[in-house]
């Protein structure tokens, strides 16, 4: 008999979270296998199968990457829980950037007040950002375009930026659809590092690889020469916590993107992670934490 259990959830955001999704509600599922827990939170807009397809894959013991990674999470979490230990004992989680789907003076003021010095922006107005560089002189920016940009327009926009202004851009993520030759040409024209989030497995030339433990096995990338930035999948706090553990386990030194619970309406799980800040505060409990909250959820055998 299957020892797989599932507890569906819906997260609600205050605004759209990226350039390719207009949703405000995001469906996912927590799974339980043996003593371990994990999160499945697909993004169909980015090419993931639906949640129903993921759960069918899990039921049939197939190996979609997002399901395979959830089972890996449940395994490492379950082992720690069975031994009564936290996965965050004696590991150091790297600091995080702030993730802002919307750019405004107010949001940037709040970000500076929270102690962040690197901000990730989702498809911002580049001219407005340029104007804000003077006021927010302590911040550096990571710009994520989700492959929605046009090369000639990006070159034209950044041609108006000085070298000092462009130096404030830590990297430009997924500016256009990934093609190695086109990216190499674009990087030469812009003079700004490029980061790949969407097609990391085939990328041997980008400056930065954005890895998400929800779908990526970090062990496959540790021999790459690129900078490695680990981020959550903008998923349930349990999935976010797994991303933080993986970044710590693989001793990632780059500033990462592990503080995304503030993008969603508050609940007991987001509250357990505390305020959104550069440093990650592991939730109390064994394994990945949240012990009592997970036990109280309604679980249905898969």
Protein backbone atom coordinates (compact mmCIF):
# COMPACT_ATOMS: atom_id res chain seq x y z
CA UNK A 1 0.00 0.00 0.00
CA UNK A 2 1.24 3.50 -0.84
CA UNK A 3 2.69 5.56 1.97
CA UNK A 4 2.16 8.79 0.02
CA UNK A 5 -0.13 11.44 1.41
CA UNK A 6 -1.08 14.83 -0.02
CA UNK A 7 -2.42 18.12 1.35
CA UNK A 8 -3.32 20.70 -1.33
CA UNK A 9 -2.88 24.42 -0.70
CA UNK A 10 -3.47 27.75 -2.42
CA UNK A 11 -1.16 30.75 -1.97
CA UNK A 12 -2.41 34.27 -2.70
CA UNK A 13 -0.18 37.13 -3.78
CA UNK A 14 -0.82 40.84 -3.57
CA UNK A 15 0.43 41.42 -7.13
CA UNK A 16 1.56 39.52 -10.20
CA UNK A 17 4.82 37.71 -9.49
CA UNK A 18 6.53 37.73 -12.87
CA UNK A 19 6.20 38.89 -16.46
CA UNK A 20 4.56 35.70 -17.74
CA UNK A 21 1.88 35.18 -15.08
CA UNK A 22 -1.15 37.32 -14.27
CA UNK A 23 -2.42 34.99 -11.55
CA UNK A 24 -2.89 35.98 -7.93
CA UNK A 25 -3.69 32.47 -6.69
CA UNK A 26 -1.19 29.63 -6.90
CA UNK A 27 -2.12 26.01 -6.31
CA UNK A 28 0.31 23.44 -5.02
CA UNK A 29 0.45 20.45 -2.72
CA UNK A 30 2.46 19.36 0.25
CA UNK A 31 3.29 15.67 0.17
CA UNK A 32 4.22 13.28 2.93
CA UNK A 33 6.19 10.11 2.34
CA UNK A 34 7.03 8.12 5.44
CA UNK A 35 8.30 10.65 7.97
CA UNK A 36 9.31 13.22 5.35
CA UNK A 37 7.54 16.20 3.82
CA UNK A 38 7.98 18.13 0.58
CA UNK A 39 6.29 20.62 -1.71
CA UNK A 40 5.12 20.37 -5.34
CA UNK A 41 4.38 23.81 -6.77
CA UNK A 42 4.33 23.82 -10.58
CA UNK A 43 4.45 26.89 -12.80
CA UNK A 44 2.66 25.87 -16.03
CA UNK A 45 3.42 29.32 -17.47
CA UNK A 46 7.10 28.40 -17.34
CA UNK A 47 6.67 24.96 -18.87
CA UNK A 48 5.85 22.83 -15.84
CA UNK A 49 3.12 20.17 -16.00
CA UNK A 50 -0.10 20.94 -14.15
CA UNK A 51 -0.49 20.06 -10.48
CA UNK A 52 -2.86 17.24 -11.47
CA UNK A 53 -0.23 15.83 -13.84
CA UNK A 54 2.43 16.08 -11.13
CA UNK A 55 0.30 14.19 -8.63
CA UNK A 56 -0.55 11.54 -11.24
CA UNK A 57 3.16 11.16 -11.92
CA UNK A 58 3.79 10.80 -8.20
CA UNK A 59 1.02 8.21 -7.88
CA UNK A 60 2.37 6.19 -10.83
CA UNK A 61 5.97 6.48 -9.58
CA UNK A 62 7.17 8.26 -12.72
CA UNK A 63 10.06 10.71 -12.70
CA UNK A 64 9.15 14.23 -13.79
CA UNK A 65 11.99 16.45 -12.49
CA UNK A 66 9.72 18.46 -10.20
CA UNK A 67 8.34 15.23 -8.68
CA UNK A 68 11.78 13.64 -8.43
CA UNK A 69 13.06 16.64 -6.52
CA UNK A 70 10.05 16.58 -4.17
CA UNK A 71 10.78 12.95 -3.35
CA UNK A 72 14.44 13.84 -2.73
CA UNK A 73 13.29 16.56 -0.34
CA UNK A 74 10.96 14.17 1.50
CA UNK A 75 13.77 11.63 1.84
CA UNK A 76 16.30 14.00 3.42
CA UNK A 77 13.62 15.62 5.57
CA UNK A 78 12.26 12.26 6.71
CA UNK A 79 15.67 10.96 7.73
CA UNK A 80 16.33 14.03 9.87
CA UNK A 81 12.88 13.88 11.47
CA UNK A 82 13.29 10.21 12.32
CA UNK A 83 16.58 11.08 14.03
CA UNK A 84 15.04 14.03 15.87
CA UNK A 85 17.39 16.66 14.41
CA UNK A 86 17.04 19.88 12.45
CA UNK A 87 18.59 19.99 9.01
CA UNK A 88 19.84 23.49 9.82
CA UNK A 89 22.09 22.45 12.67
CA UNK A 90 25.72 23.34 11.92
CA UNK A 91 25.04 24.75 8.42
CA UNK A 92 25.16 28.35 7.22
CA UNK A 93 22.44 29.63 4.92
CA UNK A 94 23.75 32.33 2.55
CA UNK A 95 22.18 35.80 2.64
CA UNK A 96 19.36 36.70 0.27
CA UNK A 97 18.40 39.50 -2.04
CA UNK A 98 14.98 41.11 -1.78
CA UNK A 99 12.48 39.98 -4.44
CA UNK A 100 10.20 42.78 -5.63
CA UNK A 101 7.60 42.08 -8.32
CA UNK A 102 6.75 45.80 -8.32
CA UNK A 103 9.20 48.70 -8.11
CA UNK A 104 8.32 51.88 -6.26
CA UNK A 105 9.98 54.37 -3.94
CA UNK A 106 7.95 52.98 -1.03
CA UNK A 107 8.92 49.35 -1.66
CA UNK A 108 12.58 50.26 -2.11
CA UNK A 109 12.52 52.35 1.09
CA UNK A 110 11.12 49.32 2.93
CA UNK A 111 13.80 47.12 1.39
CA UNK A 112 16.63 49.37 2.53
CA UNK A 113 15.08 49.60 6.01
CA UNK A 114 15.00 45.78 6.19
CA UNK A 115 18.75 45.68 5.59
CA UNK A 116 18.95 44.45 1.99
CA UNK A 117 21.67 45.68 -0.34
CA UNK A 118 20.71 43.60 -3.41
CA UNK A 119 17.25 43.70 -4.97
CA UNK A 120 15.79 41.41 -7.64
CA UNK A 121 13.24 43.16 -9.84
CA UNK A 122 10.75 41.49 -12.14
CA UNK A 123 10.62 43.20 -15.58
CA UNK A 124 11.06 46.76 -14.26
CA UNK A 125 10.76 49.98 -16.22
CA UNK A 126 14.45 50.46 -17.01
CA UNK A 127 14.23 54.24 -17.37
CA UNK A 128 12.50 54.56 -14.01
CA UNK A 129 15.11 52.28 -12.45
CA UNK A 130 17.85 54.47 -13.85
CA UNK A 131 16.27 57.50 -12.22
CA UNK A 132 16.07 55.69 -8.88
CA UNK A 133 19.75 54.71 -8.84
CA UNK A 134 20.78 58.08 -7.39
CA UNK A 135 18.34 58.00 -4.49
CA UNK A 136 18.95 54.34 -3.64
CA UNK A 137 22.71 54.54 -3.86
CA UNK A 138 23.36 51.58 -1.52
CA UNK A 139 21.45 49.07 -3.67
CA UNK A 140 22.53 46.81 -6.49
CA UNK A 141 19.95 45.26 -8.77
CA UNK A 142 19.25 41.92 -10.38
CA UNK A 143 16.80 42.28 -13.28
CA UNK A 144 14.67 39.30 -14.30
CA UNK A 145 12.90 39.60 -17.67
CA UNK A 146 11.62 36.00 -17.97
CA UNK A 147 12.71 35.93 -21.65
CA UNK A 148 10.28 38.75 -22.52
CA UNK A 149 12.91 41.25 -23.72
CA UNK A 150 13.98 42.13 -27.25
CA UNK A 151 17.73 42.32 -27.85
CA UNK A 152 17.68 45.51 -29.91
CA UNK A 153 15.48 47.31 -27.38
CA UNK A 154 17.68 46.24 -24.46
CA UNK A 155 20.80 47.44 -26.28
CA UNK A 156 19.11 50.78 -27.04
CA UNK A 157 17.96 51.22 -23.42
CA UNK A 158 21.28 50.42 -21.80
CA UNK A 159 23.24 52.47 -24.33
CA UNK A 160 21.96 55.51 -22.43
CA UNK A 161 23.37 54.20 -19.14
CA UNK A 162 26.86 55.19 -18.00
CA UNK A 163 29.38 52.51 -17.03
CA UNK A 164 28.87 53.48 -13.39
CA UNK A 165 25.12 52.98 -13.74
CA UNK A 166 25.52 49.62 -15.47
CA UNK A 167 27.87 48.51 -12.69
CA UNK A 168 24.88 48.75 -10.34
CA UNK A 169 23.24 45.87 -12.25
CA UNK A 170 24.55 42.64 -10.74
CA UNK A 171 23.09 40.65 -13.63
CA UNK A 172 20.34 40.57 -16.23
CA UNK A 173 18.38 37.32 -15.91
CA UNK A 174 16.74 35.60 -18.89
CA UNK A 175 16.75 38.76 -21.01
CA UNK A 176 15.72 36.90 -24.17
CA UNK A 177 15.09 33.28 -25.11
CA UNK A 178 18.29 31.33 -24.48
CA UNK A 179 20.50 30.70 -27.47
CA UNK A 180 24.22 30.64 -26.67
CA UNK A 181 25.38 32.68 -29.66
CA UNK A 182 22.69 35.31 -29.23
CA UNK A 183 23.42 35.62 -25.51
CA UNK A 184 27.15 36.01 -26.17
CA UNK A 185 26.45 38.78 -28.67
CA UNK A 186 24.00 40.50 -26.30
CA UNK A 187 26.43 40.36 -23.40
CA UNK A 188 29.10 41.98 -25.56
CA UNK A 189 26.73 44.76 -26.55
CA UNK A 190 25.43 45.43 -23.05
CA UNK A 191 28.53 44.94 -20.93
CA UNK A 192 26.32 43.45 -18.19
CA UNK A 193 26.57 39.87 -16.81
CA UNK A 194 23.81 37.54 -17.98
CA UNK A 195 22.09 34.95 -15.79
CA UNK A 196 20.26 31.84 -17.00
CA UNK A 197 17.29 30.52 -15.08
CA UNK A 198 15.33 28.62 -17.71
CA UNK A 199 17.83 26.35 -19.49
CA UNK A 200 20.67 25.84 -17.05
CA UNK A 201 21.42 22.22 -17.95
CA UNK A 202 22.57 23.12 -21.47
CA UNK A 203 24.32 26.38 -20.55
CA UNK A 204 28.10 26.36 -20.36
CA UNK A 205 28.69 30.04 -21.08
CA UNK A 206 26.51 32.29 -18.93
CA UNK A 207 28.01 34.33 -16.11
CA UNK A 208 25.41 33.18 -13.58
CA UNK A 209 23.23 30.09 -13.22
CA UNK A 210 20.01 30.45 -11.24
CA UNK A 211 19.29 27.10 -9.61
CA UNK A 212 16.04 26.12 -7.92
CA UNK A 213 16.19 23.01 -5.72
CA UNK A 214 12.50 22.43 -6.46
CA UNK A 215 13.51 21.37 -9.97
CA UNK A 216 17.34 21.33 -10.05
CA UNK A 217 19.76 18.88 -8.46
CA UNK A 218 22.57 21.18 -7.28
CA UNK A 219 25.11 18.37 -7.26
CA UNK A 220 25.01 18.38 -11.08
CA UNK A 221 26.30 21.97 -11.27
CA UNK A 222 29.05 22.24 -8.68
CA UNK A 223 31.81 21.83 -11.27
CA UNK A 224 30.58 24.76 -13.39
CA UNK A 225 32.68 27.92 -13.60
CA UNK A 226 29.63 30.20 -13.49
CA UNK A 227 28.43 31.92 -10.34
CA UNK A 228 25.68 29.88 -8.67
CA UNK A 229 22.66 31.67 -7.21
CA UNK A 230 20.07 29.47 -5.49
CA UNK A 231 16.48 30.64 -5.25
CA UNK A 232 13.17 29.31 -4.09
CA UNK A 233 10.52 28.39 -6.64
CA UNK A 234 8.23 31.12 -5.24
CA UNK A 235 6.43 28.23 -3.61
CA UNK A 236 5.14 27.17 -0.20
CA UNK A 237 7.34 28.09 2.79
CA UNK A 238 8.26 24.40 3.11
CA UNK A 239 9.67 24.46 -0.43
CA UNK A 240 11.40 27.74 0.32
CA UNK A 241 13.00 26.16 3.37
CA UNK A 242 14.24 23.21 1.31
CA UNK A 243 15.89 25.69 -1.09
CA UNK A 244 17.59 27.37 1.87
CA UNK A 245 18.86 24.03 3.18
CA UNK A 246 20.24 23.02 -0.22
CA UNK A 247 22.04 26.36 -0.58
CA UNK A 248 23.58 25.79 2.85
CA UNK A 249 24.38 22.12 2.20
CA UNK A 250 26.30 22.95 -0.97
CA UNK A 251 28.01 25.94 0.67
CA UNK A 252 26.81 28.46 -1.87
CA UNK A 253 28.63 31.75 -1.28
CA UNK A 254 26.63 34.03 -3.57
CA UNK A 255 23.75 36.12 -2.29
CA UNK A 256 20.70 33.98 -3.05
CA UNK A 257 16.92 34.35 -3.33
CA UNK A 258 15.58 32.47 -0.32
CA UNK A 259 13.21 35.04 1.19
CA UNK A 260 10.03 34.86 -0.89
CA UNK A 261 7.39 34.16 1.76
CA UNK A 262 6.67 37.89 1.92
CA UNK A 263 5.23 37.76 -1.61
CA UNK A 264 2.15 35.93 -0.32
CA UNK A 265 -0.65 36.58 2.12
CA UNK A 266 0.37 35.71 5.67
CA UNK A 267 -0.48 32.38 7.25
CA UNK A 268 0.96 30.24 10.03
CA UNK A 269 3.73 28.91 7.78
CA UNK A 270 4.90 32.33 6.57
CA UNK A 271 4.73 33.61 10.15
CA UNK A 272 7.03 30.77 11.26
CA UNK A 273 9.75 32.13 8.95
CA UNK A 274 9.64 35.57 10.55
CA UNK A 275 10.17 38.94 8.87
CA UNK A 276 11.59 39.10 5.35
CA UNK A 277 15.24 39.99 5.82
CA UNK A 278 18.65 39.24 4.24
CA UNK A 279 19.33 36.45 6.75
CA UNK A 280 17.25 33.27 6.75
CA UNK A 281 15.65 32.18 10.03
CA UNK A 282 14.94 28.42 9.96
CA UNK A 283 11.56 27.43 11.38
CA UNK A 284 11.71 25.49 14.64
CA UNK A 285 11.38 21.73 14.66
CA UNK A 286 13.01 18.66 13.19
CA UNK A 287 14.00 18.17 9.56
CA UNK A 288 12.91 21.26 7.65
CA UNK A 289 10.80 22.35 10.63
CA UNK A 290 7.10 23.32 10.87
CA UNK A 291 6.45 20.10 12.85
CA UNK A 292 3.19 20.99 14.57
CA UNK A 293 1.82 22.91 11.56
CA UNK A 294 2.39 19.97 9.23
CA UNK A 295 0.83 17.51 11.65
CA UNK A 296 -2.33 19.60 11.88
CA UNK A 297 -2.96 19.72 8.13
CA UNK A 298 -5.66 17.56 6.52
CA UNK A 299 -3.87 14.71 4.72
CA UNK A 300 -5.37 12.45 2.11
CA UNK A 301 -3.78 9.19 0.96
CA UNK A 302 -2.67 9.47 -2.65
